[in-house]
Amino acid sequence: MKRETTLKMNYEFRRVYNRGKSGVSPFLVVYARPNRSGKNRLGVTVSAKLGKAVVRNRVRRRLREIYRLSQPELKQGYDLVLVARSRAVAAPYRELERAYRKCCGALELFR
């Protein structure tokens, strides 16, 4: 992903957590907040409690891919933060995708 399409700084994450809306599932939590640019930006959080680096990176890659494939269907102009939960480690890809779509649907992020 390009740098301008990701959230990197701590204050950006905190802004989304504090002022955004959230959608919850057993596998992940999706926080969304409108931004002033016409593009969506993504931040992914995977806690060290989920496992070692290999495990965390695999979860992170899967979540980024799910986001990438759903990007054309999403409304534009939002900051999104995906927070992986412990069940995401052992979850099949389709379950993660279903949970992501459910959370985004609850937040009315789809066109």
N, C-alpha and C. Protein backbone atom coordinates (compact mmCIF):
# COMPACT_ATOMS: atom_id res chain seq x y z
N MET A 1 0.83 -1.18 0.00
CA MET A 1 0.00 0.00 0.00
C MET A 1 0.87 1.24 0.00
N LYS A 2 0.36 2.27 -0.60
CA LYS A 2 1.10 3.52 -0.63
C LYS A 2 1.01 4.23 0.73
N ARG A 3 2.00 5.03 1.01
CA ARG A 3 2.06 5.71 2.30
C ARG A 3 0.86 6.64 2.53
N GLU A 4 0.38 7.30 1.47
CA GLU A 4 -0.73 8.23 1.66
C GLU A 4 -2.07 7.51 1.88
N THR A 5 -2.10 6.20 1.72
CA THR A 5 -3.35 5.47 1.94
C THR A 5 -3.34 4.68 3.25
N THR A 6 -2.34 4.92 4.09
CA THR A 6 -2.28 4.21 5.37
C THR A 6 -2.21 5.20 6.53
N LEU A 7 -2.66 4.75 7.67
CA LEU A 7 -2.51 5.51 8.91
C LEU A 7 -1.23 5.02 9.58
N LYS A 8 -0.36 5.93 9.94
CA LYS A 8 0.92 5.54 10.54
C LYS A 8 1.13 6.15 11.92
N MET A 9 0.68 7.36 12.10
CA MET A 9 1.00 8.09 13.32
C MET A 9 0.00 7.76 14.44
N ASN A 10 0.50 7.77 15.66
CA ASN A 10 -0.31 7.45 16.83
C ASN A 10 -1.52 8.39 16.96
N TYR A 11 -1.33 9.67 16.70
CA TYR A 11 -2.44 10.61 16.83
C TYR A 11 -3.55 10.32 15.82
N GLU A 12 -3.21 9.77 14.64
CA GLU A 12 -4.23 9.41 13.67
C GLU A 12 -5.09 8.24 14.17
N PHE A 13 -4.42 7.25 14.76
CA PHE A 13 -5.16 6.12 15.32
C PHE A 13 -6.04 6.58 16.47
N ARG A 14 -5.50 7.40 17.37
CA ARG A 14 -6.27 7.87 18.52
C ARG A 14 -7.48 8.67 18.09
N ARG A 15 -7.34 9.47 17.05
CA ARG A 15 -8.46 10.26 16.54
C ARG A 15 -9.59 9.34 16.06
N VAL A 16 -9.23 8.28 15.36
CA VAL A 16 -10.25 7.35 14.87
C VAL A 16 -10.89 6.60 16.04
N TYR A 17 -10.09 6.17 17.02
CA TYR A 17 -10.63 5.46 18.18
C TYR A 17 -11.60 6.36 18.96
N ASN A 18 -11.21 7.60 19.20
CA ASN A 18 -12.00 8.49 20.06
C ASN A 18 -13.23 9.08 19.38
N ARG A 19 -13.11 9.44 18.12
CA ARG A 19 -14.20 10.15 17.45
C ARG A 19 -14.92 9.33 16.39
N GLY A 20 -14.45 8.10 16.15
CA GLY A 20 -15.06 7.28 15.13
C GLY A 20 -16.14 6.36 15.67
N LYS A 21 -16.78 5.66 14.77
CA LYS A 21 -17.78 4.65 15.14
C LYS A 21 -17.13 3.28 14.99
N SER A 22 -17.68 2.30 15.68
CA SER A 22 -17.06 0.97 15.64
C SER A 22 -18.09 -0.10 15.30
N GLY A 23 -17.59 -1.12 14.61
CA GLY A 23 -18.35 -2.33 14.33
C GLY A 23 -17.57 -3.50 14.92
N VAL A 24 -18.26 -4.38 15.63
CA VAL A 24 -17.58 -5.42 16.40
C VAL A 24 -18.00 -6.80 15.91
N SER A 25 -17.03 -7.71 15.85
CA SER A 25 -17.28 -9.12 15.60
C SER A 25 -16.33 -9.93 16.47
N PRO A 26 -16.51 -11.24 16.56
CA PRO A 26 -15.59 -12.04 17.39
C PRO A 26 -14.15 -12.04 16.86
N PHE A 27 -13.94 -11.72 15.58
CA PHE A 27 -12.62 -11.80 14.98
C PHE A 27 -11.90 -10.47 14.90
N LEU A 28 -12.65 -9.37 14.77
CA LEU A 28 -12.01 -8.07 14.63
C LEU A 28 -12.97 -6.96 15.00
N VAL A 29 -12.40 -5.78 15.18
CA VAL A 29 -13.18 -4.57 15.42
C VAL A 29 -12.79 -3.59 14.32
N VAL A 30 -13.78 -2.96 13.71
CA VAL A 30 -13.54 -1.96 12.66
C VAL A 30 -13.97 -0.61 13.20
N TYR A 31 -13.04 0.33 13.21
CA TYR A 31 -13.34 1.72 13.58
C TYR A 31 -13.32 2.54 12.30
N ALA A 32 -14.28 3.45 12.15
CA ALA A 32 -14.36 4.29 10.95
C ALA A 32 -14.68 5.72 11.35
N ARG A 33 -14.04 6.63 10.65
CA ARG A 33 -14.27 8.06 10.87
C ARG A 33 -14.09 8.79 9.54
N PRO A 34 -15.02 9.68 9.19
CA PRO A 34 -14.85 10.44 7.95
C PRO A 34 -13.60 11.32 8.01
N ASN A 35 -12.92 11.43 6.87
CA ASN A 35 -11.79 12.35 6.78
C ASN A 35 -12.09 13.39 5.71
N ARG A 36 -11.24 14.35 5.59
CA ARG A 36 -11.52 15.44 4.64
C ARG A 36 -10.97 15.19 3.26
N SER A 37 -10.15 14.16 3.10
CA SER A 37 -9.65 13.82 1.77
C SER A 37 -10.70 12.95 1.09
N GLY A 38 -10.57 12.79 -0.18
CA GLY A 38 -11.53 11.97 -0.91
C GLY A 38 -11.13 10.51 -0.97
N LYS A 39 -10.15 10.10 -0.16
CA LYS A 39 -9.63 8.74 -0.21
C LYS A 39 -9.82 8.05 1.13
N ASN A 40 -9.86 6.75 1.08
CA ASN A 40 -9.87 5.96 2.31
C ASN A 40 -8.43 5.71 2.75
N ARG A 41 -8.23 5.69 4.06
CA ARG A 41 -6.92 5.35 4.62
C ARG A 41 -7.13 4.21 5.61
N LEU A 42 -6.17 3.31 5.67
CA LEU A 42 -6.29 2.11 6.49
C LEU A 42 -5.17 2.03 7.51
N GLY A 43 -5.53 1.62 8.72
CA GLY A 43 -4.57 1.28 9.76
C GLY A 43 -4.95 -0.07 10.32
N VAL A 44 -3.95 -0.92 10.55
CA VAL A 44 -4.19 -2.26 11.08
C VAL A 44 -3.43 -2.40 12.39
N THR A 45 -4.11 -2.89 13.43
CA THR A 45 -3.51 -3.10 14.73
C THR A 45 -3.61 -4.57 15.10
N VAL A 46 -2.46 -5.17 15.39
CA VAL A 46 -2.41 -6.55 15.83
C VAL A 46 -1.53 -6.59 17.08
N SER A 47 -2.11 -6.94 18.20
CA SER A 47 -1.42 -6.91 19.48
C SER A 47 -0.40 -8.04 19.58
N ALA A 48 0.63 -7.81 20.37
CA ALA A 48 1.63 -8.85 20.63
C ALA A 48 1.04 -10.03 21.38
N LYS A 49 -0.12 -9.85 21.99
CA LYS A 49 -0.79 -10.94 22.71
C LYS A 49 -1.25 -12.04 21.76
N LEU A 50 -1.39 -11.72 20.47
CA LEU A 50 -1.88 -12.70 19.51
C LEU A 50 -0.84 -13.74 19.14
N GLY A 51 0.43 -13.44 19.33
CA GLY A 51 1.46 -14.41 18.99
C GLY A 51 2.75 -13.71 18.60
N LYS A 52 3.66 -14.51 18.11
CA LYS A 52 4.96 -13.97 17.70
C LYS A 52 4.82 -13.26 16.36
N ALA A 53 5.91 -12.71 15.88
CA ALA A 53 5.88 -11.83 14.70
C ALA A 53 5.31 -12.52 13.46
N VAL A 54 5.62 -13.78 13.26
CA VAL A 54 5.13 -14.48 12.08
C VAL A 54 3.61 -14.55 12.10
N VAL A 55 3.05 -14.86 13.24
CA VAL A 55 1.60 -14.96 13.38
C VAL A 55 0.95 -13.59 13.19
N ARG A 56 1.50 -12.58 13.84
CA ARG A 56 0.92 -11.23 13.73
C ARG A 56 0.99 -10.73 12.30
N ASN A 57 2.09 -10.96 11.62
CA ASN A 57 2.22 -10.51 10.23
C ASN A 57 1.26 -11.23 9.31
N ARG A 58 1.00 -12.52 9.56
CA ARG A 58 0.04 -13.25 8.73
C ARG A 58 -1.36 -12.66 8.90
N VAL A 59 -1.75 -12.37 10.13
CA VAL A 59 -3.07 -11.76 10.37
C VAL A 59 -3.13 -10.39 9.70
N ARG A 60 -2.07 -9.62 9.83
CA ARG A 60 -2.02 -8.28 9.22
C ARG A 60 -2.13 -8.36 7.70
N ARG A 61 -1.43 -9.28 7.08
CA ARG A 61 -1.50 -9.45 5.62
C ARG A 61 -2.90 -9.84 5.17
N ARG A 62 -3.53 -10.75 5.91
CA ARG A 62 -4.88 -11.18 5.55
C ARG A 62 -5.87 -10.02 5.63
N LEU A 63 -5.78 -9.23 6.69
CA LEU A 63 -6.70 -8.09 6.85
C LEU A 63 -6.48 -7.04 5.76
N ARG A 64 -5.23 -6.78 5.42
CA ARG A 64 -4.95 -5.82 4.34
C ARG A 64 -5.49 -6.31 3.00
N GLU A 65 -5.39 -7.62 2.75
CA GLU A 65 -5.89 -8.18 1.50
C GLU A 65 -7.41 -8.11 1.44
N ILE A 66 -8.08 -8.40 2.54
CA ILE A 66 -9.53 -8.29 2.59
C ILE A 66 -9.96 -6.85 2.30
N TYR A 67 -9.26 -5.90 2.90
CA TYR A 67 -9.55 -4.49 2.65
C TYR A 67 -9.32 -4.13 1.18
N ARG A 68 -8.20 -4.58 0.63
CA ARG A 68 -7.84 -4.26 -0.76
C ARG A 68 -8.90 -4.76 -1.73
N LEU A 69 -9.38 -5.98 -1.52
CA LEU A 69 -10.37 -6.55 -2.43
C LEU A 69 -11.74 -5.89 -2.30
N SER A 70 -12.05 -5.34 -1.12
CA SER A 70 -13.36 -4.70 -0.93
C SER A 70 -13.32 -3.21 -1.22
N GLN A 71 -12.16 -2.66 -1.49
CA GLN A 71 -11.98 -1.23 -1.70
C GLN A 71 -12.94 -0.63 -2.74
N PRO A 72 -13.16 -1.28 -3.90
CA PRO A 72 -14.08 -0.67 -4.89
C PRO A 72 -15.52 -0.53 -4.39
N GLU A 73 -15.93 -1.34 -3.43
CA GLU A 73 -17.30 -1.30 -2.94
C GLU A 73 -17.50 -0.29 -1.80
N LEU A 74 -16.42 0.20 -1.23
CA LEU A 74 -16.51 1.09 -0.07
C LEU A 74 -16.76 2.54 -0.48
N LYS A 75 -17.47 3.25 0.38
CA LYS A 75 -17.59 4.70 0.21
C LYS A 75 -16.21 5.30 0.43
N GLN A 76 -15.94 6.40 -0.23
CA GLN A 76 -14.63 7.04 -0.12
C GLN A 76 -14.65 8.15 0.92
N GLY A 77 -13.47 8.46 1.47
CA GLY A 77 -13.35 9.55 2.41
C GLY A 77 -13.43 9.13 3.87
N TYR A 78 -12.93 7.92 4.19
CA TYR A 78 -12.97 7.43 5.57
C TYR A 78 -11.58 6.98 6.02
N ASP A 79 -11.31 7.16 7.30
CA ASP A 79 -10.16 6.54 7.95
C ASP A 79 -10.68 5.28 8.62
N LEU A 80 -10.06 4.15 8.32
CA LEU A 80 -10.47 2.87 8.90
C LEU A 80 -9.33 2.30 9.72
N VAL A 81 -9.66 1.76 10.88
CA VAL A 81 -8.69 1.03 11.69
C VAL A 81 -9.27 -0.35 11.95
N LEU A 82 -8.50 -1.38 11.60
CA LEU A 82 -8.89 -2.76 11.85
C LEU A 82 -8.08 -3.27 13.02
N VAL A 83 -8.76 -3.73 14.06
CA VAL A 83 -8.09 -4.27 15.24
C VAL A 83 -8.39 -5.76 15.29
N ALA A 84 -7.34 -6.57 15.19
CA ALA A 84 -7.50 -8.02 15.20
C ALA A 84 -7.70 -8.50 16.63
N ARG A 85 -8.61 -9.46 16.78
CA ARG A 85 -8.83 -10.09 18.08
C ARG A 85 -8.18 -11.47 18.07
N SER A 86 -8.12 -12.10 19.22
CA SER A 86 -7.39 -13.37 19.34
C SER A 86 -7.94 -14.48 18.45
N ARG A 87 -9.22 -14.48 18.19
CA ARG A 87 -9.81 -15.51 17.32
C ARG A 87 -9.37 -15.36 15.86
N ALA A 88 -8.88 -14.21 15.48
CA ALA A 88 -8.47 -13.98 14.10
C ALA A 88 -7.26 -14.83 13.72
N VAL A 89 -6.48 -15.25 14.70
CA VAL A 89 -5.27 -16.03 14.42
C VAL A 89 -5.63 -17.37 13.79
N ALA A 90 -6.61 -18.06 14.33
CA ALA A 90 -6.98 -19.39 13.86
C ALA A 90 -8.14 -19.38 12.87
N ALA A 91 -8.68 -18.23 12.59
CA ALA A 91 -9.87 -18.15 11.72
C ALA A 91 -9.51 -18.38 10.27
N PRO A 92 -10.36 -19.10 9.55
CA PRO A 92 -10.16 -19.23 8.10
C PRO A 92 -10.37 -17.87 7.42
N TYR A 93 -9.77 -17.73 6.26
CA TYR A 93 -9.84 -16.47 5.52
C TYR A 93 -11.29 -16.04 5.29
N ARG A 94 -12.14 -16.97 4.89
CA ARG A 94 -13.54 -16.65 4.59
C ARG A 94 -14.28 -16.12 5.82
N GLU A 95 -13.97 -16.65 6.99
CA GLU A 95 -14.59 -16.15 8.22
C GLU A 95 -14.16 -14.72 8.51
N LEU A 96 -12.88 -14.44 8.32
CA LEU A 96 -12.39 -13.07 8.52
C LEU A 96 -13.06 -12.11 7.54
N GLU A 97 -13.17 -12.55 6.30
CA GLU A 97 -13.81 -11.71 5.29
C GLU A 97 -15.27 -11.45 5.63
N ARG A 98 -15.96 -12.49 6.07
CA ARG A 98 -17.37 -12.35 6.44
C ARG A 98 -17.53 -11.39 7.63
N ALA A 99 -16.64 -11.51 8.61
CA ALA A 99 -16.69 -10.63 9.78
C ALA A 99 -16.42 -9.18 9.38
N TYR A 100 -15.44 -8.98 8.48
CA TYR A 100 -15.12 -7.63 8.01
C TYR A 100 -16.33 -7.01 7.29
N ARG A 101 -16.94 -7.79 6.41
CA ARG A 101 -18.10 -7.28 5.66
C ARG A 101 -19.28 -6.97 6.59
N LYS A 102 -19.47 -7.79 7.62
CA LYS A 102 -20.54 -7.55 8.58
C LYS A 102 -20.31 -6.24 9.33
N CYS A 103 -19.06 -6.02 9.77
CA CYS A 103 -18.74 -4.79 10.50
C CYS A 103 -18.89 -3.56 9.61
N CYS A 104 -18.40 -3.65 8.39
CA CYS A 104 -18.51 -2.51 7.47
C CYS A 104 -19.97 -2.25 7.11
N GLY A 105 -20.76 -3.29 6.98
CA GLY A 105 -22.19 -3.13 6.71
C GLY A 105 -22.90 -2.43 7.86
N ALA A 106 -22.51 -2.79 9.08
CA ALA A 106 -23.12 -2.15 10.25
C ALA A 106 -22.76 -0.67 10.33
N LEU A 107 -21.58 -0.32 9.84
CA LEU A 107 -21.13 1.09 9.83
C LEU A 107 -21.58 1.82 8.57
N GLU A 108 -22.31 1.14 7.69
CA GLU A 108 -22.80 1.71 6.43
C GLU A 108 -21.67 2.26 5.59
N LEU A 109 -20.63 1.48 5.43
CA LEU A 109 -19.48 1.90 4.64
C LEU A 109 -19.57 1.46 3.18
N PHE A 110 -20.48 0.54 2.87
CA PHE A 110 -20.63 0.09 1.50
C PHE A 110 -21.54 1.01 0.72
N ARG A 111 -21.28 1.14 -0.57
CA ARG A 111 -22.10 1.98 -1.43
C ARG A 111 -23.47 1.38 -1.63
